[in-house]
N, C-alpha and C. Protein backbone atom coordinates (compact mmCIF):
# COMPACT_ATOMS: atom_id res chain seq x y z
N UNK A 1 -3.14 -22.40 36.51
CA UNK A 1 -3.45 -23.48 35.65
C UNK A 1 -4.07 -22.97 34.39
N UNK A 2 -4.96 -21.80 34.55
CA UNK A 2 -5.53 -21.30 33.26
C UNK A 2 -4.39 -20.76 32.37
N UNK A 3 -3.40 -20.20 32.94
CA UNK A 3 -2.25 -19.70 32.22
C UNK A 3 -1.67 -20.79 31.21
N UNK A 4 -1.48 -22.00 31.84
CA UNK A 4 -0.98 -23.18 31.02
C UNK A 4 -1.81 -23.44 29.91
N UNK A 5 -3.13 -23.42 30.10
CA UNK A 5 -4.04 -23.73 29.02
C UNK A 5 -3.92 -22.68 27.85
N UNK A 6 -3.72 -21.49 28.18
CA UNK A 6 -3.50 -20.49 27.16
C UNK A 6 -2.27 -20.62 26.43
N UNK A 7 -1.18 -20.95 27.23
CA UNK A 7 0.10 -21.34 26.40
C UNK A 7 -0.06 -22.55 25.51
N UNK A 8 -0.70 -23.62 26.12
CA UNK A 8 -0.94 -24.67 25.26
C UNK A 8 -1.59 -24.55 24.05
N UNK A 9 -2.76 -23.71 24.02
CA UNK A 9 -3.57 -23.34 22.84
C UNK A 9 -2.72 -22.61 21.93
N UNK A 10 -1.83 -21.78 22.37
CA UNK A 10 -1.03 -20.95 21.43
C UNK A 10 -0.05 -21.89 20.74
N UNK A 11 0.61 -22.70 21.50
CA UNK A 11 1.55 -23.69 21.01
C UNK A 11 0.85 -24.70 20.04
N UNK A 12 -0.29 -24.93 20.31
CA UNK A 12 -0.99 -26.04 19.47
C UNK A 12 -1.23 -25.30 18.13
N UNK A 13 -1.74 -24.08 18.13
CA UNK A 13 -2.08 -23.20 16.92
C UNK A 13 -0.70 -23.14 16.17
N UNK A 14 0.34 -22.70 16.97
CA UNK A 14 1.67 -22.60 16.18
C UNK A 14 2.18 -23.79 15.58
N UNK A 15 1.95 -24.95 16.18
CA UNK A 15 2.35 -26.24 15.61
C UNK A 15 1.48 -26.58 14.43
N UNK A 16 0.20 -26.33 14.52
CA UNK A 16 -0.60 -26.66 13.33
C UNK A 16 -0.19 -25.76 12.18
N UNK A 17 0.07 -24.54 12.43
CA UNK A 17 0.43 -23.63 11.32
C UNK A 17 1.75 -24.14 10.73
N UNK A 18 2.78 -24.47 11.65
CA UNK A 18 4.01 -24.88 11.05
C UNK A 18 3.97 -26.12 10.29
N UNK A 19 3.07 -27.20 10.85
CA UNK A 19 2.95 -28.54 10.24
C UNK A 19 2.21 -28.43 8.96
N UNK A 20 1.14 -27.66 8.95
CA UNK A 20 0.36 -27.42 7.65
C UNK A 20 1.25 -26.82 6.64
N UNK A 21 1.96 -25.74 7.10
CA UNK A 21 2.84 -24.98 6.16
C UNK A 21 3.92 -25.98 5.52
N UNK A 22 4.49 -26.76 6.41
CA UNK A 22 5.52 -27.73 6.06
C UNK A 22 4.99 -28.62 5.01
N UNK A 23 3.90 -29.35 5.26
CA UNK A 23 3.31 -30.24 4.25
C UNK A 23 2.93 -29.68 2.99
N UNK A 24 2.34 -28.50 3.08
CA UNK A 24 1.90 -27.77 1.82
C UNK A 24 3.25 -27.37 0.99
N UNK A 25 4.18 -26.96 1.72
CA UNK A 25 5.45 -26.48 1.12
C UNK A 25 6.13 -27.60 0.47
N UNK A 26 6.03 -28.78 1.15
CA UNK A 26 6.71 -30.09 0.59
C UNK A 26 5.98 -30.39 -0.73
N UNK A 27 4.74 -30.38 -0.67
CA UNK A 27 3.86 -30.81 -1.93
C UNK A 27 4.07 -29.80 -3.09
N UNK A 28 4.10 -28.51 -2.77
CA UNK A 28 4.31 -27.54 -3.76
C UNK A 28 5.66 -27.62 -4.33
N UNK A 29 6.71 -27.65 -3.52
CA UNK A 29 8.05 -27.84 -3.95
C UNK A 29 8.25 -29.09 -4.92
N UNK A 30 7.84 -30.09 -4.36
CA UNK A 30 7.88 -31.40 -5.22
C UNK A 30 7.11 -31.20 -6.58
N UNK A 31 6.03 -30.73 -6.62
CA UNK A 31 5.16 -30.66 -7.86
C UNK A 31 5.86 -29.49 -8.82
N UNK A 32 6.38 -28.42 -8.06
CA UNK A 32 6.91 -27.44 -8.97
C UNK A 32 8.10 -27.79 -9.67
N UNK A 33 8.98 -28.67 -9.01
CA UNK A 33 10.14 -29.19 -9.73
C UNK A 33 9.83 -30.09 -10.93
N UNK A 34 8.81 -30.95 -10.63
CA UNK A 34 8.39 -31.90 -11.58
C UNK A 34 7.84 -31.21 -12.90
N UNK A 35 6.93 -30.19 -12.56
CA UNK A 35 6.35 -29.30 -13.60
C UNK A 35 7.36 -28.47 -14.42
N UNK A 36 8.40 -27.98 -13.57
CA UNK A 36 9.36 -27.06 -14.20
C UNK A 36 10.30 -27.92 -15.20
N UNK A 37 10.55 -29.21 -14.84
CA UNK A 37 11.35 -30.03 -15.66
C UNK A 37 10.50 -30.35 -16.98
N UNK A 38 9.35 -30.62 -16.81
CA UNK A 38 8.48 -30.95 -18.11
C UNK A 38 8.36 -29.64 -18.98
N UNK A 39 8.10 -28.38 -18.30
CA UNK A 39 8.07 -27.24 -19.08
C UNK A 39 9.38 -26.93 -19.71
N UNK A 40 10.38 -27.05 -19.08
CA UNK A 40 11.72 -26.78 -19.76
C UNK A 40 11.98 -27.65 -20.97
N UNK A 41 11.54 -28.85 -20.74
CA UNK A 41 11.72 -29.88 -21.85
C UNK A 41 10.80 -29.50 -23.05
N UNK A 42 9.67 -29.17 -22.82
CA UNK A 42 8.67 -28.69 -23.85
C UNK A 42 9.12 -27.45 -24.51
N UNK A 43 9.46 -26.50 -23.61
CA UNK A 43 9.97 -25.21 -24.08
C UNK A 43 11.18 -25.28 -24.89
N UNK A 44 12.10 -26.13 -24.50
CA UNK A 44 13.38 -26.26 -25.34
C UNK A 44 13.03 -27.05 -26.72
N UNK A 45 12.26 -27.94 -26.71
CA UNK A 45 11.77 -28.52 -27.95
C UNK A 45 11.09 -27.52 -28.89
N UNK A 46 10.34 -26.58 -28.41
CA UNK A 46 9.64 -25.50 -29.10
C UNK A 46 10.66 -24.61 -29.69
N UNK A 47 11.64 -24.04 -28.86
CA UNK A 47 12.61 -23.14 -29.30
C UNK A 47 13.42 -23.82 -30.39
N UNK A 48 13.94 -25.03 -30.20
CA UNK A 48 14.68 -25.86 -31.15
C UNK A 48 13.88 -25.82 -32.44
N UNK A 49 12.72 -26.23 -32.38
CA UNK A 49 11.86 -26.26 -33.61
C UNK A 49 11.86 -24.86 -34.44
N UNK A 50 11.54 -23.90 -33.66
CA UNK A 50 11.45 -22.49 -34.24
C UNK A 50 12.85 -22.06 -34.87
N UNK A 51 13.85 -22.51 -34.16
CA UNK A 51 15.26 -22.04 -34.71
C UNK A 51 15.47 -22.80 -36.02
N UNK A 52 15.18 -24.13 -36.13
CA UNK A 52 15.32 -24.83 -37.26
C UNK A 52 14.41 -24.40 -38.42
N UNK A 53 13.17 -24.11 -37.99
CA UNK A 53 12.38 -23.46 -39.14
C UNK A 53 12.90 -22.26 -39.65
N UNK A 54 13.32 -21.42 -38.77
CA UNK A 54 13.86 -20.11 -39.11
C UNK A 54 15.06 -20.40 -39.98
N UNK A 55 16.01 -21.21 -39.55
CA UNK A 55 17.20 -21.47 -40.36
C UNK A 55 16.97 -21.96 -41.71
N UNK A 56 15.91 -22.83 -41.91
CA UNK A 56 15.49 -23.33 -43.19
C UNK A 56 14.71 -22.34 -44.01
N UNK A 57 14.34 -21.29 -43.38
CA UNK A 57 13.63 -20.19 -44.21
C UNK A 57 12.11 -20.46 -44.21
N UNK A 58 11.55 -21.34 -43.53
CA UNK A 58 10.13 -21.74 -43.51
C UNK A 58 9.51 -20.52 -42.81
N UNK A 59 9.95 -20.01 -41.70
CA UNK A 59 9.39 -19.02 -40.95
C UNK A 59 10.39 -17.93 -40.66
N UNK A 60 9.93 -16.67 -40.33
CA UNK A 60 10.88 -15.46 -40.09
C UNK A 60 10.42 -15.12 -38.65
N UNK A 61 11.56 -15.14 -37.76
CA UNK A 61 11.33 -14.72 -36.36
C UNK A 61 11.42 -13.25 -36.23
N UNK A 62 10.63 -12.60 -35.72
CA UNK A 62 10.74 -11.08 -35.29
C UNK A 62 11.27 -10.93 -33.92
N UNK A 63 12.55 -10.83 -33.79
CA UNK A 63 13.28 -10.87 -32.62
C UNK A 63 12.94 -9.74 -31.68
N UNK A 64 12.54 -8.50 -32.24
CA UNK A 64 12.08 -7.33 -31.53
C UNK A 64 10.73 -7.72 -30.68
N UNK A 65 9.86 -8.27 -31.38
CA UNK A 65 8.61 -8.51 -30.66
C UNK A 65 8.78 -9.69 -29.79
N UNK A 66 9.68 -10.61 -30.07
CA UNK A 66 9.99 -11.60 -29.08
C UNK A 66 10.55 -11.17 -27.85
N UNK A 67 11.37 -10.22 -28.12
CA UNK A 67 11.97 -9.54 -26.81
C UNK A 67 11.02 -8.72 -25.87
N UNK A 68 10.02 -8.14 -26.58
CA UNK A 68 9.01 -7.33 -25.95
C UNK A 68 8.09 -8.34 -25.11
N UNK A 69 7.68 -9.45 -25.77
CA UNK A 69 6.83 -10.44 -25.20
C UNK A 69 7.53 -11.09 -23.81
N UNK A 70 8.78 -11.45 -24.12
CA UNK A 70 9.54 -11.99 -23.02
C UNK A 70 9.69 -11.07 -21.86
N UNK A 71 9.93 -9.83 -22.07
CA UNK A 71 9.98 -8.76 -21.03
C UNK A 71 8.78 -8.68 -20.30
N UNK A 72 7.47 -8.77 -21.05
CA UNK A 72 6.25 -8.68 -20.37
C UNK A 72 5.91 -9.79 -19.47
N UNK A 73 6.40 -11.01 -19.92
CA UNK A 73 6.13 -12.21 -19.06
C UNK A 73 7.06 -12.13 -17.80
N UNK A 74 8.32 -11.61 -17.94
CA UNK A 74 9.09 -11.43 -16.78
C UNK A 74 8.57 -10.43 -15.82
N UNK A 75 8.09 -9.38 -16.32
CA UNK A 75 7.37 -8.23 -15.48
C UNK A 75 6.28 -8.94 -14.65
N UNK A 76 5.56 -9.72 -15.31
CA UNK A 76 4.28 -10.32 -14.72
C UNK A 76 4.88 -11.28 -13.58
N UNK A 77 5.83 -12.10 -13.88
CA UNK A 77 6.36 -13.09 -12.96
C UNK A 77 6.91 -12.33 -11.69
N UNK A 78 7.60 -11.20 -11.93
CA UNK A 78 8.12 -10.29 -10.85
C UNK A 78 6.93 -9.88 -9.91
N UNK A 79 5.80 -9.46 -10.50
CA UNK A 79 4.66 -9.05 -9.71
C UNK A 79 4.14 -10.20 -8.90
N UNK A 80 4.09 -11.37 -9.49
CA UNK A 80 3.45 -12.61 -8.72
C UNK A 80 4.39 -13.01 -7.62
N UNK A 81 5.67 -12.95 -7.74
CA UNK A 81 6.68 -13.25 -6.77
C UNK A 81 6.64 -12.23 -5.59
N UNK A 82 6.43 -10.97 -6.02
CA UNK A 82 6.28 -9.88 -4.93
C UNK A 82 5.12 -10.24 -4.09
N UNK A 83 3.90 -10.60 -4.64
CA UNK A 83 2.68 -11.02 -3.88
C UNK A 83 3.06 -12.14 -2.92
N UNK A 84 3.79 -13.18 -3.48
CA UNK A 84 4.04 -14.21 -2.61
C UNK A 84 5.03 -13.90 -1.36
N UNK A 85 5.93 -12.97 -1.60
CA UNK A 85 6.78 -12.51 -0.55
C UNK A 85 5.94 -11.63 0.54
N UNK A 86 4.91 -10.85 0.00
CA UNK A 86 4.12 -10.16 0.91
C UNK A 86 3.39 -11.15 1.73
N UNK A 87 2.74 -12.19 1.23
CA UNK A 87 1.92 -13.23 1.93
C UNK A 87 2.85 -13.96 3.01
N UNK A 88 4.13 -14.20 2.58
CA UNK A 88 5.01 -14.89 3.50
C UNK A 88 5.33 -14.05 4.72
N UNK A 89 5.54 -12.76 4.40
CA UNK A 89 5.85 -11.81 5.60
C UNK A 89 4.65 -11.71 6.51
N UNK A 90 3.51 -11.79 6.01
CA UNK A 90 2.33 -11.63 6.97
C UNK A 90 1.87 -12.91 7.70
N UNK A 91 2.58 -14.07 7.27
CA UNK A 91 2.18 -15.30 7.89
C UNK A 91 3.49 -16.06 8.22
N UNK A 92 4.20 -15.47 9.24
CA UNK A 92 5.44 -16.12 9.58
C UNK A 92 5.42 -17.49 10.04
N UNK A 93 4.61 -17.95 11.06
CA UNK A 93 4.72 -19.49 11.31
C UNK A 93 4.37 -20.39 10.13
N UNK A 94 3.23 -20.13 9.47
CA UNK A 94 2.86 -20.82 8.31
C UNK A 94 3.95 -20.79 7.29
N UNK A 95 4.58 -19.64 6.99
CA UNK A 95 5.48 -19.32 6.01
C UNK A 95 6.80 -20.21 6.39
N UNK A 96 7.18 -20.04 7.62
CA UNK A 96 8.41 -20.81 8.14
C UNK A 96 8.30 -22.38 7.71
N UNK A 97 7.15 -22.82 8.07
CA UNK A 97 6.98 -24.26 7.72
C UNK A 97 6.90 -24.63 6.26
N UNK A 98 6.21 -23.54 5.60
CA UNK A 98 6.14 -23.87 4.08
C UNK A 98 7.36 -23.79 3.51
N UNK A 99 8.28 -22.93 3.94
CA UNK A 99 9.58 -22.56 3.18
C UNK A 99 10.44 -23.97 3.49
N UNK A 100 10.41 -24.37 4.57
CA UNK A 100 11.18 -25.62 4.92
C UNK A 100 10.72 -26.79 4.13
N UNK A 101 9.37 -26.98 4.07
CA UNK A 101 8.89 -27.91 3.20
C UNK A 101 9.15 -27.83 1.76
N UNK A 102 9.02 -26.56 1.26
CA UNK A 102 9.23 -26.29 -0.02
C UNK A 102 10.68 -26.57 -0.50
N UNK A 103 11.68 -26.25 0.32
CA UNK A 103 13.07 -26.57 0.06
C UNK A 103 13.32 -27.97 -0.09
N UNK A 104 12.80 -28.77 0.96
CA UNK A 104 12.92 -30.20 0.92
C UNK A 104 12.16 -30.80 -0.34
N UNK A 105 10.88 -30.38 -0.67
CA UNK A 105 10.27 -30.78 -1.79
C UNK A 105 11.03 -30.56 -3.14
N UNK A 106 11.67 -29.33 -3.22
CA UNK A 106 12.38 -29.05 -4.40
C UNK A 106 13.65 -30.02 -4.52
N UNK A 107 14.35 -30.34 -3.48
CA UNK A 107 15.54 -31.27 -3.43
C UNK A 107 15.09 -32.66 -3.67
N UNK A 108 13.86 -33.15 -3.16
CA UNK A 108 13.38 -34.48 -3.43
C UNK A 108 12.71 -34.67 -4.84
N UNK A 109 12.37 -33.51 -5.36
CA UNK A 109 11.58 -33.68 -6.66
C UNK A 109 12.39 -33.96 -7.87
């Protein structure tokens, strides 16, 4: 009988991790998609404005510096994603639920 209680407590903890991970992943995925749409819209407007101003000769764009800044941002993003992957690998039940929820959140967002 005591063996069943141990199994039940493990399954309960596993279920809570999966459920919490799923709900958190769903929320993050949904919010991320909404934020990404807004960021792309604003970013596109800014780039278009800069290109028009550059074309009209109002400003001069230094493309070498722009390339360096872009590469720096991409390096930073790569490190952040690497940290997320490490977290997921160390938290398998939570991460499984999180990823399932995240995928659904992205699709629904």
